[in-house]
Structure formats: structure tokens, C-alpha cells
């Protein structure tokens, strides 16, 4: 069987994004069993309901990329106790117009990191609410609220702290089982 293909949405555009490093770490831990396809959300137009009449090329390409995936991984920072606008915009573009969501029925997982003590707990909860509305089967456990500290993940995506690496290995293992379970 081919490796399941995972579309990866990173909710941060910053070049030194902690969440991009976290996504890289997850990819490194799962690359022998999953194929990762990163979604570029930084150049998407802002969703506008007028698009529903004639969808922009960027929105159609985004939907095709999501539909080509077997699952979706969302790696998000927390902005003002919620998800970043750029991530919400990408979700809106890929899920509209009503009845034509590229996400419907796909398994998903959510995680994130932040320097704050509770990581991205609030953003992840908001994101889970949105994904539920989109008919996505979101991995319920483990919840991954990772406090980012300098040196936690190196530039190559290697997790340097053993406890964190073990948590992420468990996350990847459970995500793979979740994908398999949802695929039937």
C-alpha cells in the first residue's frame, strides 16, 4: 500500500516560525510511513463570497491539493487566543462554496507550539471547532500543547529533547492509526 498523503497547513508565515519547525519535526518522525505535502497559504486571496460564482485559480488549486490528500495536518500558532487569520482564510477558501468543501470526510490532526506556558491550547480548541463543522474526523488524543524553547527542534527538524521527541513519536503513531481507521 502507498504511504498515506498528508496535506500540511502551517498557520504561520514567519520565516523563523516555531510551528514550521514543529511541522518539519513531525515530518521527520513520520517520513518512513507518510508522504507530506506542504500547502502554501501565504499567497492566497482573501476569501470573498463573490468567489462562489467563479472560484479563483488559487482557490481551485488549493482544493485540488487537499482533495489529493488522504489526511490533513494542521500546525498552528496562537494569535490572540485563536487561530491566525491566514489559516482561517485558507480553510474558508478550501471549504467554500457551501456543499463543495475539499475537507469533508478527511481525517485530520492538530498540534502547535508557542513560547507560552500553555502552548497553543486555545487556538487548537478553536480550530477543532471549525474542523468539526467541516465534517473532518479530528484525532481526539493526544492533544499536543508544546511550549517552545530555544533548541527544542534544530533547523533540520530533529527534536533535541527526549521527552518531547517521545510525545511527538506517539502523536505520529496515533495519527497514522487514525488515518488507517478512517480509510477503513
N, C-alpha and C. Protein backbone atom coordinates (compact mmCIF):
# COMPACT_ATOMS: atom_id res chain seq x y z
N UNK A 1 0.84 -1.18 0.00
CA UNK A 1 0.00 0.00 0.00
C UNK A 1 0.89 1.24 0.00
N UNK A 2 0.49 2.24 -0.76
CA UNK A 2 1.23 3.50 -0.79
C UNK A 2 1.14 4.20 0.55
N UNK A 3 2.13 5.02 0.82
CA UNK A 3 2.11 5.83 2.04
C UNK A 3 0.94 6.80 1.95
N UNK A 4 0.19 6.97 3.04
CA UNK A 4 -0.87 7.98 3.03
C UNK A 4 -0.27 9.37 2.80
N UNK A 5 -0.96 10.14 2.00
CA UNK A 5 -0.52 11.51 1.67
C UNK A 5 -1.20 12.49 2.63
N UNK A 6 -0.39 13.32 3.28
CA UNK A 6 -0.88 14.27 4.27
C UNK A 6 -0.64 15.70 3.79
N UNK A 7 -1.71 16.46 3.63
CA UNK A 7 -1.59 17.89 3.34
C UNK A 7 -1.28 18.60 4.65
N UNK A 8 -0.23 19.42 4.67
CA UNK A 8 0.22 20.09 5.89
C UNK A 8 -0.04 21.59 5.78
N UNK A 9 -0.87 22.08 6.70
CA UNK A 9 -1.15 23.51 6.81
C UNK A 9 -0.40 24.05 8.02
N UNK A 10 0.52 24.97 7.80
CA UNK A 10 1.21 25.65 8.90
C UNK A 10 0.63 27.05 8.98
N UNK A 11 0.09 27.40 10.14
CA UNK A 11 -0.62 28.65 10.30
C UNK A 11 0.25 29.87 10.52
N UNK A 12 1.53 29.77 10.29
CA UNK A 12 2.45 30.90 10.47
C UNK A 12 3.20 31.15 9.18
N UNK A 13 3.33 32.41 8.81
CA UNK A 13 4.07 32.78 7.60
C UNK A 13 5.50 33.20 7.91
N UNK A 14 5.82 33.40 9.17
CA UNK A 14 7.13 33.91 9.58
C UNK A 14 8.24 32.96 9.15
N UNK A 15 9.33 33.51 8.61
CA UNK A 15 10.43 32.67 8.13
C UNK A 15 11.02 31.82 9.25
N UNK A 16 11.08 32.33 10.46
CA UNK A 16 11.63 31.58 11.59
C UNK A 16 10.55 30.94 12.43
N UNK A 17 9.46 30.54 11.83
CA UNK A 17 8.29 30.01 12.53
C UNK A 17 8.62 28.77 13.36
N UNK A 18 8.24 28.83 14.63
CA UNK A 18 8.38 27.67 15.51
C UNK A 18 7.48 26.53 15.02
N UNK A 19 6.31 26.89 14.52
CA UNK A 19 5.38 25.88 14.06
C UNK A 19 5.83 25.22 12.76
N UNK A 20 6.54 25.95 11.93
CA UNK A 20 7.13 25.34 10.73
C UNK A 20 8.20 24.31 11.15
N UNK A 21 8.98 24.67 12.18
CA UNK A 21 9.96 23.71 12.72
C UNK A 21 9.26 22.48 13.28
N UNK A 22 8.16 22.68 13.98
CA UNK A 22 7.40 21.56 14.54
C UNK A 22 6.86 20.67 13.42
N UNK A 23 6.34 21.28 12.36
CA UNK A 23 5.85 20.50 11.22
C UNK A 23 6.99 19.69 10.61
N UNK A 24 8.16 20.30 10.51
CA UNK A 24 9.34 19.61 9.99
C UNK A 24 9.72 18.43 10.89
N UNK A 25 9.60 18.62 12.19
CA UNK A 25 9.91 17.54 13.14
C UNK A 25 8.94 16.38 12.98
N UNK A 26 7.66 16.68 12.84
CA UNK A 26 6.66 15.63 12.65
C UNK A 26 6.93 14.90 11.34
N UNK A 27 7.26 15.66 10.30
CA UNK A 27 7.57 15.05 9.02
C UNK A 27 8.78 14.12 9.14
N UNK A 28 9.79 14.56 9.83
CA UNK A 28 10.99 13.74 10.01
C UNK A 28 10.66 12.44 10.74
N UNK A 29 9.80 12.53 11.75
CA UNK A 29 9.43 11.35 12.54
C UNK A 29 8.52 10.39 11.77
N UNK A 30 7.78 10.92 10.80
CA UNK A 30 6.83 10.07 10.08
C UNK A 30 7.14 9.81 8.63
N UNK A 31 8.29 10.30 8.14
CA UNK A 31 8.57 10.23 6.71
C UNK A 31 8.67 8.81 6.16
N UNK A 32 8.95 7.83 6.99
CA UNK A 32 9.03 6.46 6.51
C UNK A 32 7.64 5.84 6.30
N UNK A 33 6.59 6.49 6.85
CA UNK A 33 5.23 5.92 6.76
C UNK A 33 4.20 6.86 6.16
N UNK A 34 4.55 8.14 6.00
CA UNK A 34 3.63 9.13 5.45
C UNK A 34 4.34 9.96 4.39
N UNK A 35 3.57 10.46 3.44
CA UNK A 35 4.09 11.40 2.44
C UNK A 35 3.49 12.76 2.77
N UNK A 36 4.32 13.76 2.98
CA UNK A 36 3.86 15.08 3.38
C UNK A 36 3.86 16.04 2.20
N UNK A 37 2.78 16.80 2.09
CA UNK A 37 2.60 17.77 1.01
C UNK A 37 2.26 19.12 1.66
N UNK A 38 3.22 20.02 1.70
CA UNK A 38 3.01 21.31 2.37
C UNK A 38 2.16 22.24 1.52
N UNK A 39 1.20 22.87 2.15
CA UNK A 39 0.27 23.77 1.48
C UNK A 39 0.74 25.20 1.73
N UNK A 40 0.98 25.94 0.65
CA UNK A 40 1.42 27.34 0.77
C UNK A 40 0.18 28.22 0.93
N UNK A 41 -0.03 28.73 2.14
CA UNK A 41 -1.23 29.53 2.38
C UNK A 41 -0.95 31.03 2.34
N UNK A 42 0.30 31.41 2.15
CA UNK A 42 0.68 32.82 2.22
C UNK A 42 0.30 33.67 1.03
N UNK A 43 0.00 33.06 -0.09
CA UNK A 43 -0.31 33.84 -1.30
C UNK A 43 -1.77 33.72 -1.74
N UNK A 44 -2.58 33.17 -0.88
CA UNK A 44 -3.99 33.00 -1.23
C UNK A 44 -4.74 34.33 -1.13
N UNK A 45 -5.71 34.54 -2.02
CA UNK A 45 -6.53 35.75 -1.89
C UNK A 45 -7.44 35.62 -0.67
N UNK A 46 -7.86 36.73 -0.12
CA UNK A 46 -8.82 36.70 0.98
C UNK A 46 -10.15 36.19 0.45
N UNK A 47 -10.72 35.22 1.18
CA UNK A 47 -11.99 34.66 0.74
C UNK A 47 -13.06 35.74 0.66
N UNK A 48 -13.85 35.66 -0.38
CA UNK A 48 -14.95 36.59 -0.62
C UNK A 48 -16.08 35.77 -1.20
N UNK A 49 -17.27 35.91 -0.67
CA UNK A 49 -18.39 35.09 -1.13
C UNK A 49 -18.69 35.30 -2.61
N UNK A 50 -18.24 36.41 -3.18
CA UNK A 50 -18.39 36.60 -4.62
C UNK A 50 -17.64 35.53 -5.40
N UNK A 51 -16.62 34.92 -4.80
CA UNK A 51 -15.87 33.84 -5.45
C UNK A 51 -16.77 32.65 -5.77
N UNK A 52 -17.83 32.49 -5.01
CA UNK A 52 -18.68 31.32 -5.17
C UNK A 52 -19.27 31.21 -6.58
N UNK A 53 -19.37 32.34 -7.27
CA UNK A 53 -19.86 32.33 -8.64
C UNK A 53 -18.77 31.89 -9.62
N UNK A 54 -17.56 32.35 -9.40
CA UNK A 54 -16.43 31.99 -10.26
C UNK A 54 -15.19 31.91 -9.38
N UNK A 55 -14.83 30.68 -8.97
CA UNK A 55 -13.76 30.50 -8.00
C UNK A 55 -12.41 30.87 -8.59
N UNK A 56 -11.57 31.58 -7.83
CA UNK A 56 -10.25 31.97 -8.34
C UNK A 56 -9.35 30.75 -8.52
N UNK A 57 -8.40 30.86 -9.42
CA UNK A 57 -7.48 29.75 -9.72
C UNK A 57 -6.76 29.27 -8.46
N UNK A 58 -6.34 30.20 -7.58
CA UNK A 58 -5.63 29.81 -6.36
C UNK A 58 -6.52 28.96 -5.46
N UNK A 59 -7.79 29.29 -5.39
CA UNK A 59 -8.73 28.52 -4.58
C UNK A 59 -8.97 27.14 -5.17
N UNK A 60 -9.07 27.06 -6.49
CA UNK A 60 -9.26 25.75 -7.14
C UNK A 60 -8.03 24.87 -6.93
N UNK A 61 -6.83 25.46 -7.05
CA UNK A 61 -5.59 24.69 -6.84
C UNK A 61 -5.49 24.20 -5.40
N UNK A 62 -5.88 25.05 -4.45
CA UNK A 62 -5.87 24.66 -3.04
C UNK A 62 -6.81 23.47 -2.82
N UNK A 63 -7.99 23.54 -3.36
CA UNK A 63 -8.95 22.44 -3.21
C UNK A 63 -8.41 21.15 -3.83
N UNK A 64 -7.77 21.26 -4.98
CA UNK A 64 -7.20 20.08 -5.63
C UNK A 64 -6.11 19.47 -4.75
N UNK A 65 -5.29 20.31 -4.14
CA UNK A 65 -4.21 19.82 -3.28
C UNK A 65 -4.79 19.09 -2.07
N UNK A 66 -5.83 19.64 -1.47
CA UNK A 66 -6.47 18.99 -0.32
C UNK A 66 -7.14 17.70 -0.75
N UNK A 67 -7.84 17.72 -1.87
CA UNK A 67 -8.55 16.52 -2.33
C UNK A 67 -7.60 15.38 -2.72
N UNK A 68 -6.37 15.71 -3.06
CA UNK A 68 -5.36 14.70 -3.40
C UNK A 68 -4.79 14.03 -2.15
N UNK A 69 -5.10 14.58 -0.97
CA UNK A 69 -4.56 14.07 0.29
C UNK A 69 -5.48 13.01 0.89
N UNK A 70 -4.86 12.15 1.71
CA UNK A 70 -5.60 11.16 2.47
C UNK A 70 -5.95 11.67 3.86
N UNK A 71 -5.24 12.73 4.28
CA UNK A 71 -5.44 13.32 5.62
C UNK A 71 -4.85 14.73 5.61
N UNK A 72 -5.15 15.46 6.68
CA UNK A 72 -4.65 16.83 6.80
C UNK A 72 -4.05 17.02 8.19
N UNK A 73 -2.89 17.66 8.23
CA UNK A 73 -2.23 18.02 9.49
C UNK A 73 -2.23 19.53 9.59
N UNK A 74 -2.77 20.04 10.69
CA UNK A 74 -2.77 21.47 10.96
C UNK A 74 -1.79 21.75 12.08
N UNK A 75 -0.82 22.63 11.82
CA UNK A 75 0.17 23.02 12.82
C UNK A 75 0.02 24.53 12.99
N UNK A 76 -0.47 24.93 14.16
CA UNK A 76 -0.87 26.33 14.29
C UNK A 76 -0.26 27.03 15.50
N UNK A 77 0.14 28.29 15.29
CA UNK A 77 0.45 29.13 16.44
C UNK A 77 -0.87 29.64 17.04
N UNK A 78 -0.75 30.42 18.07
CA UNK A 78 -1.93 31.03 18.69
C UNK A 78 -1.78 32.54 18.63
N UNK A 79 -2.73 33.19 17.99
CA UNK A 79 -2.74 34.65 17.90
C UNK A 79 -3.99 35.14 18.63
N UNK A 80 -3.80 35.92 19.66
CA UNK A 80 -4.92 36.48 20.41
C UNK A 80 -5.92 35.41 20.85
N UNK A 81 -5.38 34.28 21.32
CA UNK A 81 -6.15 33.15 21.82
C UNK A 81 -7.02 32.46 20.78
N UNK A 82 -6.59 32.53 19.52
CA UNK A 82 -7.32 31.86 18.45
C UNK A 82 -6.34 31.51 17.33
N UNK A 83 -6.91 31.06 16.21
CA UNK A 83 -6.08 30.69 15.07
C UNK A 83 -5.74 31.94 14.26
N UNK A 84 -4.60 31.91 13.59
CA UNK A 84 -4.22 33.04 12.75
C UNK A 84 -5.20 33.24 11.59
N UNK A 85 -5.40 34.48 11.22
CA UNK A 85 -6.31 34.80 10.12
C UNK A 85 -5.92 34.12 8.82
N UNK A 86 -4.63 34.00 8.55
CA UNK A 86 -4.17 33.39 7.30
C UNK A 86 -4.59 31.92 7.23
N UNK A 87 -4.57 31.23 8.36
CA UNK A 87 -5.02 29.84 8.39
C UNK A 87 -6.53 29.75 8.20
N UNK A 88 -7.27 30.59 8.89
CA UNK A 88 -8.73 30.60 8.73
C UNK A 88 -9.12 30.92 7.30
N UNK A 89 -8.40 31.84 6.67
CA UNK A 89 -8.68 32.18 5.28
C UNK A 89 -8.48 30.98 4.37
N UNK A 90 -7.38 30.25 4.58
CA UNK A 90 -7.11 29.06 3.76
C UNK A 90 -8.21 28.01 3.95
N UNK A 91 -8.64 27.83 5.18
CA UNK A 91 -9.72 26.89 5.47
C UNK A 91 -11.00 27.33 4.78
N UNK A 92 -11.30 28.62 4.86
CA UNK A 92 -12.51 29.13 4.20
C UNK A 92 -12.45 28.91 2.69
N UNK A 93 -11.31 29.20 2.07
CA UNK A 93 -11.18 29.02 0.62
C UNK A 93 -11.35 27.56 0.21
N UNK A 94 -10.78 26.64 0.98
CA UNK A 94 -10.86 25.23 0.62
C UNK A 94 -12.21 24.59 0.95
N UNK A 95 -13.02 25.28 1.74
CA UNK A 95 -14.30 24.69 2.17
C UNK A 95 -15.52 25.34 1.54
N UNK A 96 -15.34 26.35 0.74
CA UNK A 96 -16.46 27.07 0.16
C UNK A 96 -16.51 26.82 -1.35
N UNK A 97 -17.59 27.05 -2.04
CA UNK A 97 -18.88 27.42 -1.50
C UNK A 97 -19.52 26.25 -0.76
N UNK A 98 -20.55 26.56 -0.01
CA UNK A 98 -21.24 25.55 0.78
C UNK A 98 -21.56 24.35 -0.11
N UNK A 99 -21.25 23.15 0.40
CA UNK A 99 -21.52 21.93 -0.34
C UNK A 99 -20.35 21.47 -1.21
N UNK A 100 -19.29 22.26 -1.26
CA UNK A 100 -18.13 21.91 -2.08
C UNK A 100 -16.83 21.98 -1.28
N UNK A 101 -16.90 21.51 -0.04
CA UNK A 101 -15.71 21.54 0.81
C UNK A 101 -14.73 20.44 0.41
N UNK A 102 -13.47 20.81 0.26
CA UNK A 102 -12.42 19.84 -0.03
C UNK A 102 -12.07 19.03 1.21
N UNK A 103 -12.46 19.49 2.38
CA UNK A 103 -12.10 18.84 3.63
C UNK A 103 -13.06 17.73 4.07
N UNK A 104 -14.27 17.74 3.58
CA UNK A 104 -15.32 16.84 4.08
C UNK A 104 -14.87 15.39 4.08
N UNK A 105 -14.98 14.76 5.25
CA UNK A 105 -14.68 13.36 5.40
C UNK A 105 -13.22 13.00 5.61
N UNK A 106 -12.33 13.97 5.51
CA UNK A 106 -10.90 13.66 5.68
C UNK A 106 -10.52 13.57 7.16
N UNK A 107 -9.64 12.63 7.50
CA UNK A 107 -9.09 12.61 8.86
C UNK A 107 -8.09 13.75 9.01
N UNK A 108 -7.99 14.26 10.23
CA UNK A 108 -7.10 15.40 10.49
C UNK A 108 -6.47 15.25 11.87
N UNK A 109 -5.40 15.98 12.06
CA UNK A 109 -4.76 16.10 13.36
C UNK A 109 -4.33 17.54 13.54
N UNK A 110 -4.27 17.96 14.80
CA UNK A 110 -3.97 19.34 15.16
C UNK A 110 -2.87 19.35 16.21
N UNK A 111 -1.90 20.22 16.03
CA UNK A 111 -0.91 20.48 17.07
C UNK A 111 -0.32 21.85 16.85
N UNK A 112 0.44 22.30 17.84
CA UNK A 112 1.07 23.61 17.72
C UNK A 112 2.02 23.86 18.86
N UNK A 113 2.81 24.90 18.69
CA UNK A 113 3.78 25.28 19.71
C UNK A 113 3.86 26.79 19.82
N UNK A 114 4.24 27.22 21.00
CA UNK A 114 4.36 28.64 21.30
C UNK A 114 5.27 28.77 22.51
N UNK A 115 5.93 29.92 22.67
CA UNK A 115 6.75 30.13 23.87
C UNK A 115 5.92 30.18 25.16
N UNK A 116 4.62 30.39 25.05
CA UNK A 116 3.76 30.48 26.23
C UNK A 116 3.62 29.16 26.95
N UNK A 117 3.31 29.22 28.22
CA UNK A 117 3.25 28.02 29.06
C UNK A 117 2.19 27.01 28.62
N UNK A 118 1.09 27.46 28.04
CA UNK A 118 0.04 26.52 27.61
C UNK A 118 0.11 26.25 26.11
N UNK A 119 1.24 26.59 25.50
CA UNK A 119 1.38 26.32 24.08
C UNK A 119 0.30 27.00 23.28
N UNK A 120 -0.39 26.25 22.47
CA UNK A 120 -1.44 26.80 21.61
C UNK A 120 -2.80 26.18 21.92
N UNK A 121 -3.06 25.96 23.18
CA UNK A 121 -4.27 25.26 23.61
C UNK A 121 -5.56 25.94 23.12
N UNK A 122 -5.65 27.25 23.25
CA UNK A 122 -6.88 27.94 22.84
C UNK A 122 -7.05 27.90 21.32
N UNK A 123 -5.97 28.14 20.59
CA UNK A 123 -6.05 28.10 19.13
C UNK A 123 -6.48 26.71 18.66
N UNK A 124 -5.91 25.69 19.27
CA UNK A 124 -6.26 24.33 18.85
C UNK A 124 -7.73 24.03 19.12
N UNK A 125 -8.24 24.51 20.24
CA UNK A 125 -9.66 24.27 20.54
C UNK A 125 -10.55 24.98 19.52
N UNK A 126 -10.21 26.21 19.18
CA UNK A 126 -10.99 26.93 18.16
C UNK A 126 -10.90 26.21 16.82
N UNK A 127 -9.70 25.76 16.47
CA UNK A 127 -9.51 25.06 15.20
C UNK A 127 -10.32 23.76 15.17
N UNK A 128 -10.32 23.03 16.27
CA UNK A 128 -11.10 21.79 16.33
C UNK A 128 -12.60 22.08 16.10
N UNK A 129 -13.10 23.19 16.63
CA UNK A 129 -14.50 23.56 16.40
C UNK A 129 -14.76 23.80 14.92
N UNK A 130 -13.86 24.51 14.26
CA UNK A 130 -14.01 24.79 12.83
C UNK A 130 -13.98 23.49 12.04
N UNK A 131 -13.02 22.62 12.35
CA UNK A 131 -12.87 21.38 11.59
C UNK A 131 -14.05 20.45 11.78
N UNK A 132 -14.64 20.47 12.96
CA UNK A 132 -15.84 19.68 13.22
C UNK A 132 -16.98 20.13 12.30
N UNK A 133 -17.12 21.41 12.14
CA UNK A 133 -18.15 21.97 11.26
C UNK A 133 -17.93 21.54 9.82
N UNK A 134 -16.67 21.27 9.46
CA UNK A 134 -16.33 20.90 8.08
C UNK A 134 -16.40 19.39 7.84
N UNK A 135 -16.90 18.65 8.83
CA UNK A 135 -17.06 17.20 8.72
C UNK A 135 -15.72 16.48 8.61
N UNK A 136 -14.74 16.96 9.35
CA UNK A 136 -13.44 16.29 9.41
C UNK A 136 -13.39 15.44 10.67
N UNK A 137 -12.79 14.29 10.57
CA UNK A 137 -12.60 13.41 11.72
C UNK A 137 -11.25 13.78 12.34
N UNK A 138 -11.29 14.54 13.43
CA UNK A 138 -10.06 15.06 14.04
C UNK A 138 -9.58 14.10 15.14
N UNK A 139 -8.30 13.75 15.05
CA UNK A 139 -7.68 12.89 16.06
C UNK A 139 -7.95 13.48 17.44
N UNK A 140 -8.65 12.73 18.31
CA UNK A 140 -9.01 13.31 19.60
C UNK A 140 -7.85 13.39 20.60
N UNK A 141 -6.97 12.41 20.58
CA UNK A 141 -5.85 12.37 21.52
C UNK A 141 -4.62 11.84 20.79
N UNK A 142 -3.46 12.22 21.12
CA UNK A 142 -3.11 13.13 22.21
C UNK A 142 -3.23 14.59 21.77
N UNK A 143 -3.64 15.43 22.71
CA UNK A 143 -3.59 16.87 22.47
C UNK A 143 -2.15 17.30 22.69
N UNK A 144 -1.64 18.13 21.82
CA UNK A 144 -0.22 18.48 21.83
C UNK A 144 -0.05 19.98 22.06
N UNK A 145 0.12 20.37 23.30
CA UNK A 145 0.34 21.77 23.67
C UNK A 145 1.81 21.91 24.05
N UNK A 146 2.63 22.24 23.09
CA UNK A 146 4.08 22.23 23.28
C UNK A 146 4.60 23.64 23.53
N UNK A 147 5.28 23.80 24.64
CA UNK A 147 5.92 25.08 24.93
C UNK A 147 7.27 25.08 24.21
N UNK A 148 7.43 26.04 23.31
CA UNK A 148 8.66 26.10 22.53
C UNK A 148 9.75 26.81 23.32
N UNK A 149 10.92 26.20 23.31
CA UNK A 149 12.11 26.80 23.93
C UNK A 149 13.25 26.69 22.94
N UNK A 150 14.16 27.65 22.98
CA UNK A 150 15.32 27.60 22.08
C UNK A 150 16.00 26.25 22.16
N UNK A 151 16.29 25.70 20.99
CA UNK A 151 16.99 24.44 20.92
C UNK A 151 16.11 23.21 20.97
N UNK A 152 14.81 23.38 21.15
CA UNK A 152 13.91 22.22 21.23
C UNK A 152 13.94 21.40 19.93
N UNK A 153 13.95 22.11 18.80
CA UNK A 153 13.98 21.48 17.48
C UNK A 153 15.06 22.18 16.68
N UNK A 154 15.97 21.41 16.09
CA UNK A 154 17.03 22.05 15.32
C UNK A 154 16.53 22.38 13.90
N UNK A 155 17.37 23.04 13.12
CA UNK A 155 16.98 23.51 11.79
C UNK A 155 16.61 22.37 10.84
N UNK A 156 17.09 21.16 11.11
CA UNK A 156 16.77 20.00 10.27
C UNK A 156 15.52 19.27 10.73
N UNK A 157 14.87 19.76 11.78
CA UNK A 157 13.66 19.12 12.28
C UNK A 157 13.91 18.03 13.29
N UNK A 158 15.10 17.95 13.81
CA UNK A 158 15.41 16.95 14.83
C UNK A 158 15.01 17.49 16.20
N UNK A 159 14.20 16.73 16.92
CA UNK A 159 13.77 17.11 18.26
C UNK A 159 14.89 16.74 19.22
N UNK A 160 15.40 17.72 19.94
CA UNK A 160 16.58 17.52 20.77
C UNK A 160 16.27 17.15 22.21
N UNK A 161 15.02 17.25 22.61
CA UNK A 161 14.61 16.92 23.97
C UNK A 161 13.89 15.57 23.93
N UNK A 162 14.42 14.60 24.63
CA UNK A 162 13.91 13.22 24.57
C UNK A 162 12.42 13.11 24.89
N UNK A 163 11.96 13.75 25.97
CA UNK A 163 10.54 13.67 26.35
C UNK A 163 9.64 14.20 25.24
N UNK A 164 10.03 15.31 24.64
CA UNK A 164 9.23 15.89 23.56
C UNK A 164 9.26 14.99 22.33
N UNK A 165 10.42 14.44 22.01
CA UNK A 165 10.53 13.52 20.88
C UNK A 165 9.60 12.32 21.09
N UNK A 166 9.57 11.77 22.28
CA UNK A 166 8.70 10.62 22.56
C UNK A 166 7.22 11.00 22.42
N UNK A 167 6.85 12.18 22.89
CA UNK A 167 5.47 12.65 22.73
C UNK A 167 5.11 12.77 21.26
N UNK A 168 6.02 13.33 20.47
CA UNK A 168 5.75 13.50 19.04
C UNK A 168 5.75 12.16 18.30
N UNK A 169 6.59 11.23 18.71
CA UNK A 169 6.57 9.90 18.11
C UNK A 169 5.22 9.23 18.37
N UNK A 170 4.72 9.36 19.59
CA UNK A 170 3.40 8.81 19.93
C UNK A 170 2.32 9.49 19.10
N UNK A 171 2.42 10.82 18.95
CA UNK A 171 1.45 11.57 18.13
C UNK A 171 1.44 11.03 16.70
N UNK A 172 2.61 10.87 16.10
CA UNK A 172 2.70 10.37 14.72
C UNK A 172 2.12 8.97 14.63
N UNK A 173 2.47 8.09 15.54
CA UNK A 173 1.95 6.72 15.54
C UNK A 173 0.42 6.73 15.60
N UNK A 174 -0.11 7.53 16.48
CA UNK A 174 -1.58 7.57 16.65
C UNK A 174 -2.26 8.21 15.45
N UNK A 175 -1.62 9.21 14.84
CA UNK A 175 -2.18 9.84 13.65
C UNK A 175 -2.23 8.82 12.50
N UNK A 176 -1.19 8.04 12.35
CA UNK A 176 -1.18 7.02 11.29
C UNK A 176 -2.30 6.01 11.53
N UNK A 177 -2.45 5.55 12.74
CA UNK A 177 -3.54 4.62 13.06
C UNK A 177 -4.90 5.25 12.80
N UNK A 178 -5.02 6.55 13.12
CA UNK A 178 -6.27 7.29 12.89
C UNK A 178 -6.59 7.36 11.40
N UNK A 179 -5.58 7.65 10.60
CA UNK A 179 -5.78 7.70 9.14
C UNK A 179 -6.25 6.34 8.64
N UNK A 180 -5.57 5.28 9.07
CA UNK A 180 -5.93 3.92 8.65
C UNK A 180 -7.35 3.58 9.06
N UNK A 181 -7.70 3.96 10.27
CA UNK A 181 -9.05 3.69 10.79
C UNK A 181 -10.11 4.41 9.96
N UNK A 182 -9.84 5.66 9.61
CA UNK A 182 -10.81 6.45 8.85
C UNK A 182 -10.93 5.96 7.41
N UNK A 183 -9.83 5.44 6.86
CA UNK A 183 -9.83 4.94 5.49
C UNK A 183 -10.58 3.62 5.38
N UNK A 184 -10.74 2.94 6.53
CA UNK A 184 -11.50 1.69 6.57
C UNK A 184 -10.72 0.59 5.98
